[in-house]
């Protein structure tokens, strides 16, 4: 599938993605991309965030690919699992830097309300891109989580949280991985 043939649903994480974040840059490059807008970015409420993503998925009537980062991954996975077969037009999920939302050491602490992750396989093909030195999750946890979902895990090396603070504003390597993911759909 070509990128232009799908609705690209951008799901940012905690505090949203800044203009320099790779999600914002991808959104600007893809005419068919739409960003999820949450009512409260700095104090996320699990039920509200999931309902927003679920409503956006349900409103789409054409092939949709979810592109989520950080807490947006947790939100998207919960929404997809809750929708089940109703989300059959979601043809793929591209997840980057899923935080360990079951870890009591995560900060801010209220992010734990998004855990634990569902462990059932996702009903659509998915990639999980994770870093060996992500401060919000261990590498092993990300790999185990990806395996639970039936996702292909992509090792991003030592890339931090794969955001603008870790030097991943444009993130051309990520765009190449995303293009490969789309080719496989």
C-alpha atoms as a PDB file:
ATOM      1  CA  UNK A   1       0.000   0.000   0.000  1.00  0.00           C
ATOM      2  CA  UNK A   2       1.216   3.477  -0.785  1.00  0.00           C
ATOM      3  CA  UNK A   3       1.182   6.148   1.903  1.00  0.00           C
ATOM      4  CA  UNK A   4      -1.182   8.276  -0.205  1.00  0.00           C
ATOM      5  CA  UNK A   5      -3.744   5.433  -0.293  1.00  0.00           C
ATOM      6  CA  UNK A   6      -4.450   5.433   3.459  1.00  0.00           C
ATOM      7  CA  UNK A   7      -5.651   7.808   6.122  1.00  0.00           C
ATOM      8  CA  UNK A   8      -2.631   8.361   8.358  1.00  0.00           C
ATOM      9  CA  UNK A   9      -3.780   8.898  11.932  1.00  0.00           C
ATOM     10  CA  UNK A  10      -1.042  10.604  13.984  1.00  0.00           C
ATOM     11  CA  UNK A  11      -1.386   9.857  17.714  1.00  0.00           C
ATOM     12  CA  UNK A  12       1.031  11.919  19.831  1.00  0.00           C
ATOM     13  CA  UNK A  13       1.967  11.108  23.397  1.00  0.00           C
ATOM     14  CA  UNK A  14       2.143  13.019  26.653  1.00  0.00           C
ATOM     15  CA  UNK A  15       2.301  16.836  26.101  1.00  0.00           C
ATOM     16  CA  UNK A  16       1.729  16.416  22.324  1.00  0.00           C
ATOM     17  CA  UNK A  17       4.414  16.499  19.637  1.00  0.00           C
ATOM     18  CA  UNK A  18       6.191  19.815  19.164  1.00  0.00           C
ATOM     19  CA  UNK A  19       6.618  21.338  15.689  1.00  0.00           C
ATOM     20  CA  UNK A  20      10.151  19.870  15.592  1.00  0.00           C
ATOM     21  CA  UNK A  21       9.014  16.321  16.473  1.00  0.00           C
ATOM     22  CA  UNK A  22       9.107  13.743  13.667  1.00  0.00           C
ATOM     23  CA  UNK A  23       5.327  13.212  13.972  1.00  0.00           C
ATOM     24  CA  UNK A  24       4.677  16.897  13.253  1.00  0.00           C
ATOM     25  CA  UNK A  25       7.098  16.845  10.335  1.00  0.00           C
ATOM     26  CA  UNK A  26       5.490  13.720   8.868  1.00  0.00           C
ATOM     27  CA  UNK A  27       2.043  15.232   9.309  1.00  0.00           C
ATOM     28  CA  UNK A  28       3.169  18.331   7.380  1.00  0.00           C
ATOM     29  CA  UNK A  29       4.518  16.164   4.525  1.00  0.00           C
ATOM     30  CA  UNK A  30       1.514  13.852   4.195  1.00  0.00           C
ATOM     31  CA  UNK A  31      -1.642  15.479   2.870  1.00  0.00           C
ATOM     32  CA  UNK A  32      -3.666  12.511   4.112  1.00  0.00           C
ATOM     33  CA  UNK A  33      -2.365  12.719   7.726  1.00  0.00           C
ATOM     34  CA  UNK A  34      -4.580  13.802  10.585  1.00  0.00           C
ATOM     35  CA  UNK A  35      -3.402  14.439  14.149  1.00  0.00           C
ATOM     36  CA  UNK A  36      -5.430  13.344  17.136  1.00  0.00           C
ATOM     37  CA  UNK A  37      -6.160  16.350  19.342  1.00  0.00           C
ATOM     38  CA  UNK A  38      -6.603  15.543  23.013  1.00  0.00           C
ATOM     39  CA  UNK A  39      -8.489  17.896  25.345  1.00  0.00           C
ATOM     40  CA  UNK A  40      -5.749  17.792  27.980  1.00  0.00           C
ATOM     41  CA  UNK A  41      -2.159  17.121  26.915  1.00  0.00           C
ATOM     42  CA  UNK A  42      -0.366  17.570  30.231  1.00  0.00           C
ATOM     43  CA  UNK A  43      -2.790  15.667  32.483  1.00  0.00           C
ATOM     44  CA  UNK A  44      -3.996  12.793  30.313  1.00  0.00           C
ATOM     45  CA  UNK A  45      -7.121  10.954  31.396  1.00  0.00           C
ATOM     46  CA  UNK A  46      -7.002   7.398  30.075  1.00  0.00           C
ATOM     47  CA  UNK A  47     -10.714   7.061  29.297  1.00  0.00           C
ATOM     48  CA  UNK A  48     -10.842  10.444  27.516  1.00  0.00           C
ATOM     49  CA  UNK A  49      -7.724   9.813  25.457  1.00  0.00           C
ATOM     50  CA  UNK A  50      -8.888   6.346  24.406  1.00  0.00           C
ATOM     51  CA  UNK A  51     -12.380   7.635  23.555  1.00  0.00           C
ATOM     52  CA  UNK A  52     -10.868  10.344  21.318  1.00  0.00           C
ATOM     53  CA  UNK A  53      -8.781   7.817  19.374  1.00  0.00           C
ATOM     54  CA  UNK A  54     -11.656   5.333  19.213  1.00  0.00           C
ATOM     55  CA  UNK A  55     -14.008   8.019  17.836  1.00  0.00           C
ATOM     56  CA  UNK A  56     -11.500   9.056  15.176  1.00  0.00           C
ATOM     57  CA  UNK A  57     -10.966   5.440  14.097  1.00  0.00           C
ATOM     58  CA  UNK A  58     -14.705   4.809  13.990  1.00  0.00           C
ATOM     59  CA  UNK A  59     -15.300   7.973  11.939  1.00  0.00           C
ATOM     60  CA  UNK A  60     -12.941   6.829   9.206  1.00  0.00           C
ATOM     61  CA  UNK A  61     -14.464   4.785   6.404  1.00  0.00           C
ATOM     62  CA  UNK A  62     -11.304   4.117   4.410  1.00  0.00           C
ATOM     63  CA  UNK A  63      -8.051   2.257   5.090  1.00  0.00           C
ATOM     64  CA  UNK A  64      -6.390   3.789   8.136  1.00  0.00           C
ATOM     65  CA  UNK A  65      -2.853   3.477   9.475  1.00  0.00           C
ATOM     66  CA  UNK A  66      -2.176   4.534  13.059  1.00  0.00           C
ATOM     67  CA  UNK A  67       1.190   6.223  13.703  1.00  0.00           C
ATOM     68  CA  UNK A  68       1.644   6.555  17.462  1.00  0.00           C
ATOM     69  CA  UNK A  69       4.488   7.704  19.705  1.00  0.00           C
ATOM     70  CA  UNK A  70       5.014   7.107  23.418  1.00  0.00           C
ATOM     71  CA  UNK A  71       1.770   7.434  25.415  1.00  0.00           C
ATOM     72  CA  UNK A  72      -0.025   7.609  22.069  1.00  0.00           C
ATOM     73  CA  UNK A  73       0.958   3.940  21.648  1.00  0.00           C
ATOM     74  CA  UNK A  74      -0.756   2.957  24.908  1.00  0.00           C
ATOM     75  CA  UNK A  75      -3.815   4.992  23.947  1.00  0.00           C
ATOM     76  CA  UNK A  76      -3.991   3.479  20.457  1.00  0.00           C
ATOM     77  CA  UNK A  77      -3.539  -0.110  21.592  1.00  0.00           C
ATOM     78  CA  UNK A  78      -6.325   0.224  24.149  1.00  0.00           C
ATOM     79  CA  UNK A  79      -8.609   1.829  21.538  1.00  0.00           C
ATOM     80  CA  UNK A  80      -7.875  -0.875  18.948  1.00  0.00           C
ATOM     81  CA  UNK A  81      -8.392  -3.681  21.452  1.00  0.00           C
ATOM     82  CA  UNK A  82     -11.685  -2.163  22.643  1.00  0.00           C
ATOM     83  CA  UNK A  83     -12.951  -1.768  19.070  1.00  0.00           C
ATOM     84  CA  UNK A  84     -11.869  -5.261  18.028  1.00  0.00           C
ATOM     85  CA  UNK A  85     -13.345  -6.238  14.630  1.00  0.00           C
ATOM     86  CA  UNK A  86     -15.122  -2.857  14.421  1.00  0.00           C
ATOM     87  CA  UNK A  87     -11.697  -1.414  13.548  1.00  0.00           C
ATOM     88  CA  UNK A  88     -11.355  -3.631  10.479  1.00  0.00           C
ATOM     89  CA  UNK A  89     -10.508  -0.636   8.267  1.00  0.00           C
ATOM     90  CA  UNK A  90      -7.361  -0.054  10.386  1.00  0.00           C
ATOM     91  CA  UNK A  91      -4.906  -1.796   8.098  1.00  0.00           C
ATOM     92  CA  UNK A  92      -1.763  -1.134  10.126  1.00  0.00           C
ATOM     93  CA  UNK A  93      -0.247   0.321  13.284  1.00  0.00           C
ATOM     94  CA  UNK A  94       3.217   1.883  13.466  1.00  0.00           C
ATOM     95  CA  UNK A  95       4.242   2.299  17.100  1.00  0.00           C
ATOM     96  CA  UNK A  96       7.348   4.160  18.276  1.00  0.00           C
ATOM     97  CA  UNK A  97       8.819   4.171  21.803  1.00  0.00           C
ATOM     98  CA  UNK A  98       6.027   2.534  23.813  1.00  0.00           C
ATOM     99  CA  UNK A  99       6.545   3.506  27.459  1.00  0.00           C
ATOM    100  CA  UNK A 100       6.385   0.915  30.212  1.00  0.00           C
ATOM    101  CA  UNK A 101       3.066   2.108  31.657  1.00  0.00           C
ATOM    102  CA  UNK A 102       3.075  -0.727  34.210  1.00  0.00           C
ATOM    103  CA  UNK A 103       6.360   0.425  35.780  1.00  0.00           C
ATOM    104  CA  UNK A 104       5.734   2.150  39.142  1.00  0.00           C
ATOM    105  CA  UNK A 105       8.873   4.261  38.581  1.00  0.00           C
ATOM    106  CA  UNK A 106       7.404   5.987  35.489  1.00  0.00           C
ATOM    107  CA  UNK A 107       7.090   9.743  35.782  1.00  0.00           C
ATOM    108  CA  UNK A 108       4.768  11.516  35.800  1.00  0.00           C
ATOM    109  CA  UNK A 109       3.053   8.907  37.937  1.00  0.00           C
ATOM    110  CA  UNK A 110      -0.424   9.342  36.403  1.00  0.00           C
ATOM    111  CA  UNK A 111       0.880   7.748  33.172  1.00  0.00           C
ATOM    112  CA  UNK A 112       0.527   4.411  34.979  1.00  0.00           C
ATOM    113  CA  UNK A 113      -3.245   4.745  34.602  1.00  0.00           C
ATOM    114  CA  UNK A 114      -2.687   3.705  30.963  1.00  0.00           C
ATOM    115  CA  UNK A 115      -1.258   0.363  32.057  1.00  0.00           C
ATOM    116  CA  UNK A 116      -1.021  -2.439  31.844  1.00  0.00           C
ATOM    117  CA  UNK A 117      -1.028  -2.971  28.106  1.00  0.00           C
ATOM    118  CA  UNK A 118      -3.469  -5.468  26.627  1.00  0.00           C
ATOM    119  CA  UNK A 119      -1.568  -8.622  25.707  1.00  0.00           C
ATOM    120  CA  UNK A 120      -3.891  -9.973  23.015  1.00  0.00           C
ATOM    121  CA  UNK A 121      -2.536  -9.872  19.450  1.00  0.00           C
ATOM    122  CA  UNK A 122      -3.620  -6.871  17.422  1.00  0.00           C
ATOM    123  CA  UNK A 123      -6.003  -7.506  14.543  1.00  0.00           C
ATOM    124  CA  UNK A 124      -3.838  -5.540  12.099  1.00  0.00           C
ATOM    125  CA  UNK A 125      -0.186  -5.773  11.056  1.00  0.00           C
ATOM    126  CA  UNK A 126       2.065  -3.664  13.239  1.00  0.00           C
ATOM    127  CA  UNK A 127       5.638  -2.532  13.752  1.00  0.00           C
ATOM    128  CA  UNK A 128       7.077  -1.465  17.093  1.00  0.00           C
ATOM    129  CA  UNK A 129      10.224   0.671  16.928  1.00  0.00           C
ATOM    130  CA  UNK A 130      12.163   0.773  20.174  1.00  0.00           C
ATOM    131  CA  UNK A 131      15.455   2.133  21.443  1.00  0.00           C
ATOM    132  CA  UNK A 132      17.991   0.270  23.564  1.00  0.00           C
ATOM    133  CA  UNK A 133      18.321   3.253  25.920  1.00  0.00           C
ATOM    134  CA  UNK A 134      14.798   4.660  26.086  1.00  0.00           C
ATOM    135  CA  UNK A 135      14.368   6.280  29.515  1.00  0.00           C
ATOM    136  CA  UNK A 136      10.676   5.337  29.614  1.00  0.00           C
ATOM    137  CA  UNK A 137      10.961   1.593  29.024  1.00  0.00           C
ATOM    138  CA  UNK A 138      13.503  -1.175  29.038  1.00  0.00           C
ATOM    139  CA  UNK A 139      14.429  -2.692  25.715  1.00  0.00           C
ATOM    140  CA  UNK A 140      13.318  -6.142  26.909  1.00  0.00           C
ATOM    141  CA  UNK A 141       9.904  -4.823  27.947  1.00  0.00           C
ATOM    142  CA  UNK A 142       9.377  -3.218  24.536  1.00  0.00           C
ATOM    143  CA  UNK A 143      10.341  -6.464  22.779  1.00  0.00           C
ATOM    144  CA  UNK A 144       8.008  -8.533  24.990  1.00  0.00           C
ATOM    145  CA  UNK A 145       5.162  -6.082  24.434  1.00  0.00           C
ATOM    146  CA  UNK A 146       5.664  -6.188  20.658  1.00  0.00           C
ATOM    147  CA  UNK A 147       5.657  -9.995  20.771  1.00  0.00           C
ATOM    148  CA  UNK A 148       2.376  -9.993  22.734  1.00  0.00           C
ATOM    149  CA  UNK A 149       0.783  -7.854  20.019  1.00  0.00           C
ATOM    150  CA  UNK A 150       2.184  -9.973  17.183  1.00  0.00           C
ATOM    151  CA  UNK A 151       4.158  -6.940  15.994  1.00  0.00           C
ATOM    152  CA  UNK A 152       7.482  -6.919  14.196  1.00  0.00           C
ATOM    153  CA  UNK A 153      10.015  -5.302  16.527  1.00  0.00           C
ATOM    154  CA  UNK A 154      12.551  -2.888  15.017  1.00  0.00           C
ATOM    155  CA  UNK A 155      15.706  -2.186  17.045  1.00  0.00           C
ATOM    156  CA  UNK A 156      16.508   1.541  16.742  1.00  0.00           C
ATOM    157  CA  UNK A 157      19.849   1.183  18.505  1.00  0.00           C
ATOM    158  CA  UNK A 158      20.690   3.726  21.189  1.00  0.00           C
ATOM    159  CA  UNK A 159      18.211   6.406  20.166  1.00  0.00           C
ATOM    160  CA  UNK A 160      16.727   7.580  23.451  1.00  0.00           C
ATOM    161  CA  UNK A 161      12.983   8.220  23.358  1.00  0.00           C
ATOM    162  CA  UNK A 162      13.040   8.874  19.593  1.00  0.00           C
ATOM    163  CA  UNK A 163      11.840  12.448  19.840  1.00  0.00           C
ATOM    164  CA  UNK A 164      13.261  15.876  19.152  1.00  0.00           C
ATOM    165  CA  UNK A 165      15.121  15.882  22.500  1.00  0.00           C
ATOM    166  CA  UNK A 166      17.055  12.782  21.427  1.00  0.00           C
ATOM    167  CA  UNK A 167      17.887  14.337  18.050  1.00  0.00           C
ATOM    168  CA  UNK A 168      15.018  12.779  16.094  1.00  0.00           C
ATOM    169  CA  UNK A 169      13.279  15.808  14.644  1.00  0.00           C
ATOM    170  CA  UNK A 170      13.228  14.886  10.964  1.00  0.00           C
ATOM    171  CA  UNK A 171      14.074  11.190  11.640  1.00  0.00           C
ATOM    172  CA  UNK A 172      14.629  10.125   7.988  1.00  0.00           C
ATOM    173  CA  UNK A 173      15.526   6.562   9.089  1.00  0.00           C
ATOM    174  CA  UNK A 174      12.107   6.263  10.688  1.00  0.00           C
ATOM    175  CA  UNK A 175      10.410   7.467   7.528  1.00  0.00           C
ATOM    176  CA  UNK A 176      12.256   4.766   5.574  1.00  0.00           C
ATOM    177  CA  UNK A 177      11.074   2.114   8.056  1.00  0.00           C
ATOM    178  CA  UNK A 178       7.530   3.500   7.790  1.00  0.00           C
ATOM    179  CA  UNK A 179       7.689   3.342   3.981  1.00  0.00           C
ATOM    180  CA  UNK A 180       8.792  -0.304   4.233  1.00  0.00           C
ATOM    181  CA  UNK A 181       5.916  -0.984   6.646  1.00  0.00           C
ATOM    182  CA  UNK A 182       3.466   0.551   4.186  1.00  0.00           C
ATOM    183  CA  UNK A 183       4.865  -1.563   1.333  1.00  0.00           C
ATOM    184  CA  UNK A 184       4.105  -4.686   3.373  1.00  0.00           C
ATOM    185  CA  UNK A 185       0.450  -3.766   3.903  1.00  0.00           C
END
